[in-house]
Amino acid sequence: AELVHWNLTEEDHLYKIPLILRAKEMTAYPLKMFGSPWSSPAWMK
């Protein structure tokens, strides 16, 4: 519950963040980024 073990995963470091940063450098307008959760940790449910 204190989220001591909270951390990003390899999916963020390999597949999401690098592509977002590269896309940001290309756009003529600021890139509006928004997040959406699908599920909490299973133990919270």
ModelCIF file with pLDDT and N, C-alpha, C, O atoms, coordinates in Angstrom:
data_MODEL
#
_entry.id   MODEL 
#
_entity.id                         1 
_entity.type                       polymer 
_entity.pdbx_number_of_molecules   1 
#
_entity_poly.entity_id                      1 
_entity_poly.type                           'polypeptide(L)' 
_entity_poly.nstd_linkage                   no 
_entity_poly.nstd_monomer                   no 
_entity_poly.pdbx_seq_one_letter_code       AELVHWNLTEEDHLYKIPLILRAKEMTAYPLKMFGSPWSSPAWMK 
_entity_poly.pdbx_seq_one_letter_code_can   AELVHWNLTEEDHLYKIPLILRAKEMTAYPLKMFGSPWSSPAWMK 
_entity_poly.pdbx_strand_id                 A 
#
loop_
_entity_poly_seq.entity_id 
_entity_poly_seq.num 
_entity_poly_seq.mon_id 
_entity_poly_seq.hetero 
1 1  ALA n 
1 2  GLU n 
1 3  LEU n 
1 4  VAL n 
1 5  HIS n 
1 6  TRP n 
1 7  ASN n 
1 8  LEU n 
1 9  THR n 
1 10 GLU n 
1 11 GLU n 
1 12 ASP n 
1 13 HIS n 
1 14 LEU n 
1 15 TYR n 
1 16 LYS n 
1 17 ILE n 
1 18 PRO n 
1 19 LEU n 
1 20 ILE n 
1 21 LEU n 
1 22 ARG n 
1 23 ALA n 
1 24 LYS n 
1 25 GLU n 
1 26 MET n 
1 27 THR n 
1 28 ALA n 
1 29 TYR n 
1 30 PRO n 
1 31 LEU n 
1 32 LYS n 
1 33 MET n 
1 34 PHE n 
1 35 GLY n 
1 36 SER n 
1 37 PRO n 
1 38 TRP n 
1 39 SER n 
1 40 SER n 
1 41 PRO n 
1 42 ALA n 
1 43 TRP n 
1 44 MET n 
1 45 LYS n 
#
_struct_asym.id          A 
_struct_asym.entity_id   1 
#
loop_
_ma_qa_metric.id 
_ma_qa_metric.mode 
_ma_qa_metric.name 
_ma_qa_metric.software_group_id 
_ma_qa_metric.type 
1 global pLDDT . pLDDT 
2 local  pLDDT . pLDDT 
#
_ma_qa_metric_global.metric_id      1 
_ma_qa_metric_global.metric_value   97.93 
_ma_qa_metric_global.model_id       1 
_ma_qa_metric_global.ordinal_id     1 
#
loop_
_ma_qa_metric_local.label_asym_id 
_ma_qa_metric_local.label_comp_id 
_ma_qa_metric_local.label_seq_id 
_ma_qa_metric_local.metric_id 
_ma_qa_metric_local.metric_value 
_ma_qa_metric_local.model_id 
_ma_qa_metric_local.ordinal_id 
A ALA 1  2 98.00 1 1  
A GLU 2  2 98.00 1 2  
A LEU 3  2 98.00 1 3  
A VAL 4  2 98.00 1 4  
A HIS 5  2 98.00 1 5  
A TRP 6  2 98.00 1 6  
A ASN 7  2 98.00 1 7  
A LEU 8  2 98.00 1 8  
A THR 9  2 98.00 1 9  
A GLU 10 2 98.00 1 10 
A GLU 11 2 98.00 1 11 
A ASP 12 2 98.00 1 12 
A HIS 13 2 98.00 1 13 
A LEU 14 2 98.00 1 14 
A TYR 15 2 98.00 1 15 
A LYS 16 2 98.00 1 16 
A ILE 17 2 98.00 1 17 
A PRO 18 2 98.00 1 18 
A LEU 19 2 98.00 1 19 
A ILE 20 2 98.00 1 20 
A LEU 21 2 98.00 1 21 
A ARG 22 2 98.00 1 22 
A ALA 23 2 98.00 1 23 
A LYS 24 2 98.00 1 24 
A GLU 25 2 97.00 1 25 
A MET 26 2 98.00 1 26 
A THR 27 2 98.00 1 27 
A ALA 28 2 97.00 1 28 
A TYR 29 2 97.00 1 29 
A PRO 30 2 97.00 1 30 
A LEU 31 2 98.00 1 31 
A LYS 32 2 98.00 1 32 
A MET 33 2 98.00 1 33 
A PHE 34 2 99.00 1 34 
A GLY 35 2 98.00 1 35 
A SER 36 2 98.00 1 36 
A PRO 37 2 98.00 1 37 
A TRP 38 2 98.00 1 38 
A SER 39 2 98.00 1 39 
A SER 40 2 98.00 1 40 
A PRO 41 2 98.00 1 41 
A ALA 42 2 98.00 1 42 
A TRP 43 2 98.00 1 43 
A MET 44 2 98.00 1 44 
A LYS 45 2 98.00 1 45 
#
loop_
_atom_site.group_PDB 
_atom_site.id 
_atom_site.type_symbol 
_atom_site.label_atom_id 
_atom_site.label_alt_id 
_atom_site.label_comp_id 
_atom_site.label_asym_id 
_atom_site.label_entity_id 
_atom_site.label_seq_id 
_atom_site.pdbx_PDB_ins_code 
_atom_site.Cartn_x 
_atom_site.Cartn_y 
_atom_site.Cartn_z 
_atom_site.occupancy 
_atom_site.B_iso_or_equiv 
_atom_site.pdbx_formal_charge 
_atom_site.auth_seq_id 
_atom_site.auth_comp_id 
_atom_site.auth_asym_id 
_atom_site.auth_atom_id 
_atom_site.pdbx_PDB_model_num 
ATOM 1   N N  . ALA A 1 1  ? 0.815   -1.212 0.000   1.00 98.00 ? 1  ALA A N  1 
ATOM 2   C CA . ALA A 1 1  ? 0.000   0.000  0.000   1.00 98.00 ? 1  ALA A CA 1 
ATOM 3   C C  . ALA A 1 1  ? 0.849   1.262  0.000   1.00 98.00 ? 1  ALA A C  1 
ATOM 4   O O  . ALA A 1 1  ? 0.396   2.304  -0.475  1.00 98.00 ? 1  ALA A O  1 
ATOM 5   N N  . GLU A 1 2  ? 2.049   1.195  0.512   1.00 98.00 ? 2  GLU A N  1 
ATOM 6   C CA . GLU A 1 2  ? 2.939   2.358  0.511   1.00 98.00 ? 2  GLU A CA 1 
ATOM 7   C C  . GLU A 1 2  ? 3.669   2.513  -0.825  1.00 98.00 ? 2  GLU A C  1 
ATOM 8   O O  . GLU A 1 2  ? 4.389   3.490  -1.030  1.00 98.00 ? 2  GLU A O  1 
ATOM 9   N N  . LEU A 1 3  ? 3.484   1.553  -1.728  1.00 98.00 ? 3  LEU A N  1 
ATOM 10  C CA . LEU A 1 3  ? 4.068   1.594  -3.084  1.00 98.00 ? 3  LEU A CA 1 
ATOM 11  C C  . LEU A 1 3  ? 5.589   1.685  -3.058  1.00 98.00 ? 3  LEU A C  1 
ATOM 12  O O  . LEU A 1 3  ? 6.203   2.355  -3.888  1.00 98.00 ? 3  LEU A O  1 
ATOM 13  N N  . VAL A 1 4  ? 6.173   1.003  -2.099  1.00 98.00 ? 4  VAL A N  1 
ATOM 14  C CA . VAL A 1 4  ? 7.634   0.982  -1.969  1.00 98.00 ? 4  VAL A CA 1 
ATOM 15  C C  . VAL A 1 4  ? 8.279   0.348  -3.196  1.00 98.00 ? 4  VAL A C  1 
ATOM 16  O O  . VAL A 1 4  ? 9.373   0.737  -3.603  1.00 98.00 ? 4  VAL A O  1 
ATOM 17  N N  . HIS A 1 5  ? 7.597   -0.627 -3.780  1.00 98.00 ? 5  HIS A N  1 
ATOM 18  C CA . HIS A 1 5  ? 8.155   -1.379 -4.906  1.00 98.00 ? 5  HIS A CA 1 
ATOM 19  C C  . HIS A 1 5  ? 7.675   -0.853 -6.265  1.00 98.00 ? 5  HIS A C  1 
ATOM 20  O O  . HIS A 1 5  ? 7.896   -1.492 -7.294  1.00 98.00 ? 5  HIS A O  1 
ATOM 21  N N  . TRP A 1 6  ? 7.026   0.301  -6.262  1.00 98.00 ? 6  TRP A N  1 
ATOM 22  C CA . TRP A 1 6  ? 6.514   0.879  -7.510  1.00 98.00 ? 6  TRP A CA 1 
ATOM 23  C C  . TRP A 1 6  ? 7.679   1.203  -8.450  1.00 98.00 ? 6  TRP A C  1 
ATOM 24  O O  . TRP A 1 6  ? 8.671   1.796  -8.024  1.00 98.00 ? 6  TRP A O  1 
ATOM 25  N N  . ASN A 1 7  ? 7.566   0.822  -9.711  1.00 98.00 ? 7  ASN A N  1 
ATOM 26  C CA . ASN A 1 7  ? 8.585   1.197  -10.701 1.00 98.00 ? 7  ASN A CA 1 
ATOM 27  C C  . ASN A 1 7  ? 8.039   1.027  -12.116 1.00 98.00 ? 7  ASN A C  1 
ATOM 28  O O  . ASN A 1 7  ? 7.168   0.194  -12.368 1.00 98.00 ? 7  ASN A O  1 
ATOM 29  N N  . LEU A 1 8  ? 8.571   1.835  -13.032 1.00 98.00 ? 8  LEU A N  1 
ATOM 30  C CA . LEU A 1 8  ? 8.271   1.630  -14.444 1.00 98.00 ? 8  LEU A CA 1 
ATOM 31  C C  . LEU A 1 8  ? 8.856   0.287  -14.880 1.00 98.00 ? 8  LEU A C  1 
ATOM 32  O O  . LEU A 1 8  ? 9.701   -0.285 -14.191 1.00 98.00 ? 8  LEU A O  1 
ATOM 33  N N  . THR A 1 9  ? 8.402   -0.205 -16.022 1.00 98.00 ? 9  THR A N  1 
ATOM 34  C CA . THR A 1 9  ? 8.820   -1.519 -16.509 1.00 98.00 ? 9  THR A CA 1 
ATOM 35  C C  . THR A 1 9  ? 9.600   -1.384 -17.813 1.00 98.00 ? 9  THR A C  1 
ATOM 36  O O  . THR A 1 9  ? 9.769   -0.282 -18.335 1.00 98.00 ? 9  THR A O  1 
ATOM 37  N N  . GLU A 1 10 ? 10.073  -2.516 -18.334 1.00 98.00 ? 10 GLU A N  1 
ATOM 38  C CA . GLU A 1 10 ? 10.819  -2.478 -19.592 1.00 98.00 ? 10 GLU A CA 1 
ATOM 39  C C  . GLU A 1 10 ? 9.951   -1.974 -20.735 1.00 98.00 ? 10 GLU A C  1 
ATOM 40  O O  . GLU A 1 10 ? 10.465  -1.397 -21.693 1.00 98.00 ? 10 GLU A O  1 
ATOM 41  N N  . GLU A 1 11 ? 8.635   -2.185 -20.647 1.00 98.00 ? 11 GLU A N  1 
ATOM 42  C CA . GLU A 1 11 ? 7.750   -1.678 -21.701 1.00 98.00 ? 11 GLU A CA 1 
ATOM 43  C C  . GLU A 1 11 ? 7.838   -0.160 -21.805 1.00 98.00 ? 11 GLU A C  1 
ATOM 44  O O  . GLU A 1 11 ? 7.868   0.389  -22.906 1.00 98.00 ? 11 GLU A O  1 
ATOM 45  N N  . ASP A 1 12 ? 7.878   0.516  -20.663 1.00 98.00 ? 12 ASP A N  1 
ATOM 46  C CA . ASP A 1 12 ? 8.016   1.976  -20.673 1.00 98.00 ? 12 ASP A CA 1 
ATOM 47  C C  . ASP A 1 12 ? 9.370   2.386  -21.232 1.00 98.00 ? 12 ASP A C  1 
ATOM 48  O O  . ASP A 1 12 ? 9.456   3.294  -22.060 1.00 98.00 ? 12 ASP A O  1 
ATOM 49  N N  . HIS A 1 13 ? 10.422  1.723  -20.784 1.00 98.00 ? 13 HIS A N  1 
ATOM 50  C CA . HIS A 1 13 ? 11.780  2.116  -21.149 1.00 98.00 ? 13 HIS A CA 1 
ATOM 51  C C  . HIS A 1 13 ? 12.155  1.735  -22.582 1.00 98.00 ? 13 HIS A C  1 
ATOM 52  O O  . HIS A 1 13 ? 13.017  2.370  -23.189 1.00 98.00 ? 13 HIS A O  1 
ATOM 53  N N  . LEU A 1 14 ? 11.510  0.701  -23.118 1.00 98.00 ? 14 LEU A N  1 
ATOM 54  C CA . LEU A 1 14 ? 11.856  0.241  -24.466 1.00 98.00 ? 14 LEU A CA 1 
ATOM 55  C C  . LEU A 1 14 ? 10.850  0.662  -25.525 1.00 98.00 ? 14 LEU A C  1 
ATOM 56  O O  . LEU A 1 14 ? 11.239  0.998  -26.644 1.00 98.00 ? 14 LEU A O  1 
ATOM 57  N N  . TYR A 1 15 ? 9.557   0.650  -25.192 1.00 98.00 ? 15 TYR A N  1 
ATOM 58  C CA . TYR A 1 15 ? 8.526   0.769  -26.218 1.00 98.00 ? 15 TYR A CA 1 
ATOM 59  C C  . TYR A 1 15 ? 7.698   2.053  -26.169 1.00 98.00 ? 15 TYR A C  1 
ATOM 60  O O  . TYR A 1 15 ? 7.056   2.403  -27.159 1.00 98.00 ? 15 TYR A O  1 
ATOM 61  N N  . LYS A 1 16 ? 7.699   2.747  -25.059 1.00 98.00 ? 16 LYS A N  1 
ATOM 62  C CA . LYS A 1 16 ? 6.858   3.934  -24.944 1.00 98.00 ? 16 LYS A CA 1 
ATOM 63  C C  . LYS A 1 16 ? 7.693   5.216  -24.903 1.00 98.00 ? 16 LYS A C  1 
ATOM 64  O O  . LYS A 1 16 ? 7.648   6.016  -25.837 1.00 98.00 ? 16 LYS A O  1 
ATOM 65  N N  . ILE A 1 17 ? 8.443   5.409  -23.836 1.00 98.00 ? 17 ILE A N  1 
ATOM 66  C CA . ILE A 1 17 ? 9.140   6.681  -23.632 1.00 98.00 ? 17 ILE A CA 1 
ATOM 67  C C  . ILE A 1 17 ? 10.073  7.043  -24.789 1.00 98.00 ? 17 ILE A C  1 
ATOM 68  O O  . ILE A 1 17 ? 10.034  8.189  -25.237 1.00 98.00 ? 17 ILE A O  1 
ATOM 69  N N  . PRO A 1 18 ? 10.909  6.132  -25.300 1.00 98.00 ? 18 PRO A N  1 
ATOM 70  C CA . PRO A 1 18 ? 11.815  6.526  -26.392 1.00 98.00 ? 18 PRO A CA 1 
ATOM 71  C C  . PRO A 1 18 ? 11.071  7.006  -27.639 1.00 98.00 ? 18 PRO A C  1 
ATOM 72  O O  . PRO A 1 18 ? 11.503  7.962  -28.283 1.00 98.00 ? 18 PRO A O  1 
ATOM 73  N N  . LEU A 1 19 ? 9.967   6.361  -27.982 1.00 98.00 ? 19 LEU A N  1 
ATOM 74  C CA . LEU A 1 19 ? 9.215   6.778  -29.169 1.00 98.00 ? 19 LEU A CA 1 
ATOM 75  C C  . LEU A 1 19 ? 8.524   8.115  -28.948 1.00 98.00 ? 19 LEU A C  1 
ATOM 76  O O  . LEU A 1 19 ? 8.460   8.948  -29.852 1.00 98.00 ? 19 LEU A O  1 
ATOM 77  N N  . ILE A 1 20 ? 8.005   8.314  -27.733 1.00 98.00 ? 20 ILE A N  1 
ATOM 78  C CA . ILE A 1 20 ? 7.356   9.599  -27.429 1.00 98.00 ? 20 ILE A CA 1 
ATOM 79  C C  . ILE A 1 20 ? 8.360   10.739 -27.537 1.00 98.00 ? 20 ILE A C  1 
ATOM 80  O O  . ILE A 1 20 ? 8.058   11.780 -28.120 1.00 98.00 ? 20 ILE A O  1 
ATOM 81  N N  . LEU A 1 21 ? 9.544   10.549 -26.982 1.00 98.00 ? 21 LEU A N  1 
ATOM 82  C CA . LEU A 1 21 ? 10.558  11.608 -27.023 1.00 98.00 ? 21 LEU A CA 1 
ATOM 83  C C  . LEU A 1 21 ? 10.991  11.915 -28.451 1.00 98.00 ? 21 LEU A C  1 
ATOM 84  O O  . LEU A 1 21 ? 11.223  13.074 -28.794 1.00 98.00 ? 21 LEU A O  1 
ATOM 85  N N  . ARG A 1 22 ? 11.100  10.890 -29.279 1.00 98.00 ? 22 ARG A N  1 
ATOM 86  C CA . ARG A 1 22 ? 11.462  11.123 -30.682 1.00 98.00 ? 22 ARG A CA 1 
ATOM 87  C C  . ARG A 1 22 ? 10.331  11.825 -31.424 1.00 98.00 ? 22 ARG A C  1 
ATOM 88  O O  . ARG A 1 22 ? 10.580  12.705 -32.248 1.00 98.00 ? 22 ARG A O  1 
ATOM 89  N N  . ALA A 1 23 ? 9.084   11.438 -31.136 1.00 98.00 ? 23 ALA A N  1 
ATOM 90  C CA . ALA A 1 23 ? 7.942   12.091 -31.777 1.00 98.00 ? 23 ALA A CA 1 
ATOM 91  C C  . ALA A 1 23 ? 7.856   13.559 -31.393 1.00 98.00 ? 23 ALA A C  1 
ATOM 92  O O  . ALA A 1 23 ? 7.559   14.408 -32.233 1.00 98.00 ? 23 ALA A O  1 
ATOM 93  N N  . LYS A 1 24 ? 8.119   13.863 -30.112 1.00 98.00 ? 24 LYS A N  1 
ATOM 94  C CA . LYS A 1 24 ? 8.061   15.251 -29.634 1.00 98.00 ? 24 LYS A CA 1 
ATOM 95  C C  . LYS A 1 24 ? 8.984   16.164 -30.435 1.00 98.00 ? 24 LYS A C  1 
ATOM 96  O O  . LYS A 1 24 ? 8.659   17.327 -30.675 1.00 98.00 ? 24 LYS A O  1 
ATOM 97  N N  . GLU A 1 25 ? 10.136  15.634 -30.848 1.00 97.00 ? 25 GLU A N  1 
ATOM 98  C CA . GLU A 1 25 ? 11.106  16.437 -31.586 1.00 97.00 ? 25 GLU A CA 1 
ATOM 99  C C  . GLU A 1 25 ? 10.663  16.736 -33.013 1.00 97.00 ? 25 GLU A C  1 
ATOM 100 O O  . GLU A 1 25 ? 11.226  17.614 -33.666 1.00 97.00 ? 25 GLU A O  1 
ATOM 101 N N  . MET A 1 26 ? 9.664   16.014 -33.498 1.00 98.00 ? 26 MET A N  1 
ATOM 102 C CA . MET A 1 26 ? 9.251   16.144 -34.898 1.00 98.00 ? 26 MET A CA 1 
ATOM 103 C C  . MET A 1 26 ? 8.051   17.057 -35.097 1.00 98.00 ? 26 MET A C  1 
ATOM 104 O O  . MET A 1 26 ? 7.857   17.593 -36.188 1.00 98.00 ? 26 MET A O  1 
ATOM 105 N N  . THR A 1 27 ? 7.251   17.240 -34.066 1.00 98.00 ? 27 THR A N  1 
ATOM 106 C CA . THR A 1 27 ? 5.967   17.903 -34.257 1.00 98.00 ? 27 THR A CA 1 
ATOM 107 C C  . THR A 1 27 ? 6.105   19.412 -34.408 1.00 98.00 ? 27 THR A C  1 
ATOM 108 O O  . THR A 1 27 ? 6.976   20.035 -33.801 1.00 98.00 ? 27 THR A O  1 
ATOM 109 N N  . ALA A 1 28 ? 5.237   19.982 -35.220 1.00 97.00 ? 28 ALA A N  1 
ATOM 110 C CA . ALA A 1 28 ? 5.200   21.433 -35.381 1.00 97.00 ? 28 ALA A CA 1 
ATOM 111 C C  . ALA A 1 28 ? 4.453   22.103 -34.237 1.00 97.00 ? 28 ALA A C  1 
ATOM 112 O O  . ALA A 1 28 ? 4.639   23.293 -33.983 1.00 97.00 ? 28 ALA A O  1 
ATOM 113 N N  . TYR A 1 29 ? 3.606   21.339 -33.544 1.00 97.00 ? 29 TYR A N  1 
ATOM 114 C CA . TYR A 1 29 ? 2.839   21.834 -32.404 1.00 97.00 ? 29 TYR A CA 1 
ATOM 115 C C  . TYR A 1 29 ? 3.225   21.007 -31.184 1.00 97.00 ? 29 TYR A C  1 
ATOM 116 O O  . TYR A 1 29 ? 3.661   19.866 -31.332 1.00 97.00 ? 29 TYR A O  1 
ATOM 117 N N  . PRO A 1 30 ? 3.073   21.558 -29.980 1.00 97.00 ? 30 PRO A N  1 
ATOM 118 C CA . PRO A 1 30 ? 3.349   20.754 -28.788 1.00 97.00 ? 30 PRO A CA 1 
ATOM 119 C C  . PRO A 1 30 ? 2.513   19.473 -28.787 1.00 97.00 ? 30 PRO A C  1 
ATOM 120 O O  . PRO A 1 30 ? 1.328   19.495 -29.119 1.00 97.00 ? 30 PRO A O  1 
ATOM 121 N N  . LEU A 1 31 ? 3.138   18.366 -28.413 1.00 98.00 ? 31 LEU A N  1 
ATOM 122 C CA . LEU A 1 31 ? 2.463   17.080 -28.397 1.00 98.00 ? 31 LEU A CA 1 
ATOM 123 C C  . LEU A 1 31 ? 1.710   16.927 -27.073 1.00 98.00 ? 31 LEU A C  1 
ATOM 124 O O  . LEU A 1 31 ? 2.323   16.855 -26.008 1.00 98.00 ? 31 LEU A O  1 
ATOM 125 N N  . LYS A 1 32 ? 0.395   16.880 -27.149 1.00 98.00 ? 32 LYS A N  1 
ATOM 126 C CA . LYS A 1 32 ? -0.442  16.745 -25.958 1.00 98.00 ? 32 LYS A CA 1 
ATOM 127 C C  . LYS A 1 32 ? -0.505  15.270 -25.571 1.00 98.00 ? 32 LYS A C  1 
ATOM 128 O O  . LYS A 1 32 ? -1.091  14.460 -26.289 1.00 98.00 ? 32 LYS A O  1 
ATOM 129 N N  . MET A 1 33 ? 0.096   14.926 -24.443 1.00 98.00 ? 33 MET A N  1 
ATOM 130 C CA . MET A 1 33 ? 0.134   13.545 -23.976 1.00 98.00 ? 33 MET A CA 1 
ATOM 131 C C  . MET A 1 33 ? -0.832  13.368 -22.797 1.00 98.00 ? 33 MET A C  1 
ATOM 132 O O  . MET A 1 33 ? -0.829  14.167 -21.861 1.00 98.00 ? 33 MET A O  1 
ATOM 133 N N  . PHE A 1 34 ? -1.653  12.320 -22.852 1.00 99.00 ? 34 PHE A N  1 
ATOM 134 C CA . PHE A 1 34 ? -2.506  12.031 -21.704 1.00 99.00 ? 34 PHE A CA 1 
ATOM 135 C C  . PHE A 1 34 ? -2.450  10.541 -21.369 1.00 99.00 ? 34 PHE A C  1 
ATOM 136 O O  . PHE A 1 34 ? -2.295  9.696  -22.251 1.00 99.00 ? 34 PHE A O  1 
ATOM 137 N N  . GLY A 1 35 ? -2.578  10.242 -20.087 1.00 98.00 ? 35 GLY A N  1 
ATOM 138 C CA . GLY A 1 35 ? -2.520  8.873  -19.599 1.00 98.00 ? 35 GLY A CA 1 
ATOM 139 C C  . GLY A 1 35 ? -3.892  8.332  -19.271 1.00 98.00 ? 35 GLY A C  1 
ATOM 140 O O  . GLY A 1 35 ? -4.810  9.079  -18.931 1.00 98.00 ? 35 GLY A O  1 
ATOM 141 N N  . SER A 1 36 ? -4.021  6.989  -19.381 1.00 98.00 ? 36 SER A N  1 
ATOM 142 C CA . SER A 1 36 ? -5.268  6.306  -19.033 1.00 98.00 ? 36 SER A CA 1 
ATOM 143 C C  . SER A 1 36 ? -4.937  4.967  -18.389 1.00 98.00 ? 36 SER A C  1 
ATOM 144 O O  . SER A 1 36 ? -4.226  4.165  -18.994 1.00 98.00 ? 36 SER A O  1 
ATOM 145 N N  . PRO A 1 37 ? -5.425  4.698  -17.186 1.00 98.00 ? 37 PRO A N  1 
ATOM 146 C CA . PRO A 1 37 ? -5.207  3.368  -16.589 1.00 98.00 ? 37 PRO A CA 1 
ATOM 147 C C  . PRO A 1 37 ? -6.271  2.373  -17.053 1.00 98.00 ? 37 PRO A C  1 
ATOM 148 O O  . PRO A 1 37 ? -7.439  2.720  -17.229 1.00 98.00 ? 37 PRO A O  1 
ATOM 149 N N  . TRP A 1 38 ? -5.831  1.117  -17.247 1.00 98.00 ? 38 TRP A N  1 
ATOM 150 C CA . TRP A 1 38 ? -6.767  0.023  -17.556 1.00 98.00 ? 38 TRP A CA 1 
ATOM 151 C C  . TRP A 1 38 ? -7.119  -0.739 -16.273 1.00 98.00 ? 38 TRP A C  1 
ATOM 152 O O  . TRP A 1 38 ? -8.289  -1.022 -16.013 1.00 98.00 ? 38 TRP A O  1 
ATOM 153 N N  . SER A 1 39 ? -6.102  -1.064 -15.483 1.00 98.00 ? 39 SER A N  1 
ATOM 154 C CA . SER A 1 39 ? -6.343  -1.799 -14.251 1.00 98.00 ? 39 SER A CA 1 
ATOM 155 C C  . SER A 1 39 ? -5.338  -1.370 -13.192 1.00 98.00 ? 39 SER A C  1 
ATOM 156 O O  . SER A 1 39 ? -4.194  -1.030 -13.493 1.00 98.00 ? 39 SER A O  1 
ATOM 157 N N  . SER A 1 40 ? -5.789  -1.393 -11.960 1.00 98.00 ? 40 SER A N  1 
ATOM 158 C CA . SER A 1 40 ? -4.862  -1.262 -10.835 1.00 98.00 ? 40 SER A CA 1 
ATOM 159 C C  . SER A 1 40 ? -4.094  -2.573 -10.694 1.00 98.00 ? 40 SER A C  1 
ATOM 160 O O  . SER A 1 40 ? -4.406  -3.538 -11.392 1.00 98.00 ? 40 SER A O  1 
ATOM 161 N N  . PRO A 1 41 ? -3.096  -2.634 -9.808  1.00 98.00 ? 41 PRO A N  1 
ATOM 162 C CA . PRO A 1 41 ? -2.526  -3.936 -9.463  1.00 98.00 ? 41 PRO A CA 1 
ATOM 163 C C  . PRO A 1 41 ? -3.642  -4.895 -9.059  1.00 98.00 ? 41 PRO A C  1 
ATOM 164 O O  . PRO A 1 41 ? -4.611  -4.495 -8.414  1.00 98.00 ? 41 PRO A O  1 
ATOM 165 N N  . ALA A 1 42 ? -3.502  -6.151 -9.440  1.00 98.00 ? 42 ALA A N  1 
ATOM 166 C CA . ALA A 1 42 ? -4.569  -7.121 -9.178  1.00 98.00 ? 42 ALA A CA 1 
ATOM 167 C C  . ALA A 1 42 ? -4.882  -7.228 -7.690  1.00 98.00 ? 42 ALA A C  1 
ATOM 168 O O  . ALA A 1 42 ? -6.033  -7.465 -7.321  1.00 98.00 ? 42 ALA A O  1 
ATOM 169 N N  . TRP A 1 43 ? -3.872  -7.057 -6.824  1.00 98.00 ? 43 TRP A N  1 
ATOM 170 C CA . TRP A 1 43 ? -4.104  -7.199 -5.383  1.00 98.00 ? 43 TRP A CA 1 
ATOM 171 C C  . TRP A 1 43 ? -4.908  -6.051 -4.790  1.00 98.00 ? 43 TRP A C  1 
ATOM 172 O O  . TRP A 1 43 ? -5.369  -6.147 -3.653  1.00 98.00 ? 43 TRP A O  1 
ATOM 173 N N  . MET A 1 44 ? -5.084  -4.964 -5.539  1.00 98.00 ? 44 MET A N  1 
ATOM 174 C CA . MET A 1 44 ? -5.931  -3.871 -5.072  1.00 98.00 ? 44 MET A CA 1 
ATOM 175 C C  . MET A 1 44 ? -7.407  -4.117 -5.389  1.00 98.00 ? 44 MET A C  1 
ATOM 176 O O  . MET A 1 44 ? -8.269  -3.371 -4.926  1.00 98.00 ? 44 MET A O  1 
ATOM 177 N N  . LYS A 1 45 ? -7.705  -5.160 -6.178  1.00 98.00 ? 45 LYS A N  1 
ATOM 178 C CA . LYS A 1 45 ? -9.068  -5.370 -6.676  1.00 98.00 ? 45 LYS A CA 1 
ATOM 179 C C  . LYS A 1 45 ? -9.787  -6.482 -5.917  1.00 98.00 ? 45 LYS A C  1 
ATOM 180 O O  . LYS A 1 45 ? -10.943 -6.784 -6.212  1.00 98.00 ? 45 LYS A O  1 
#
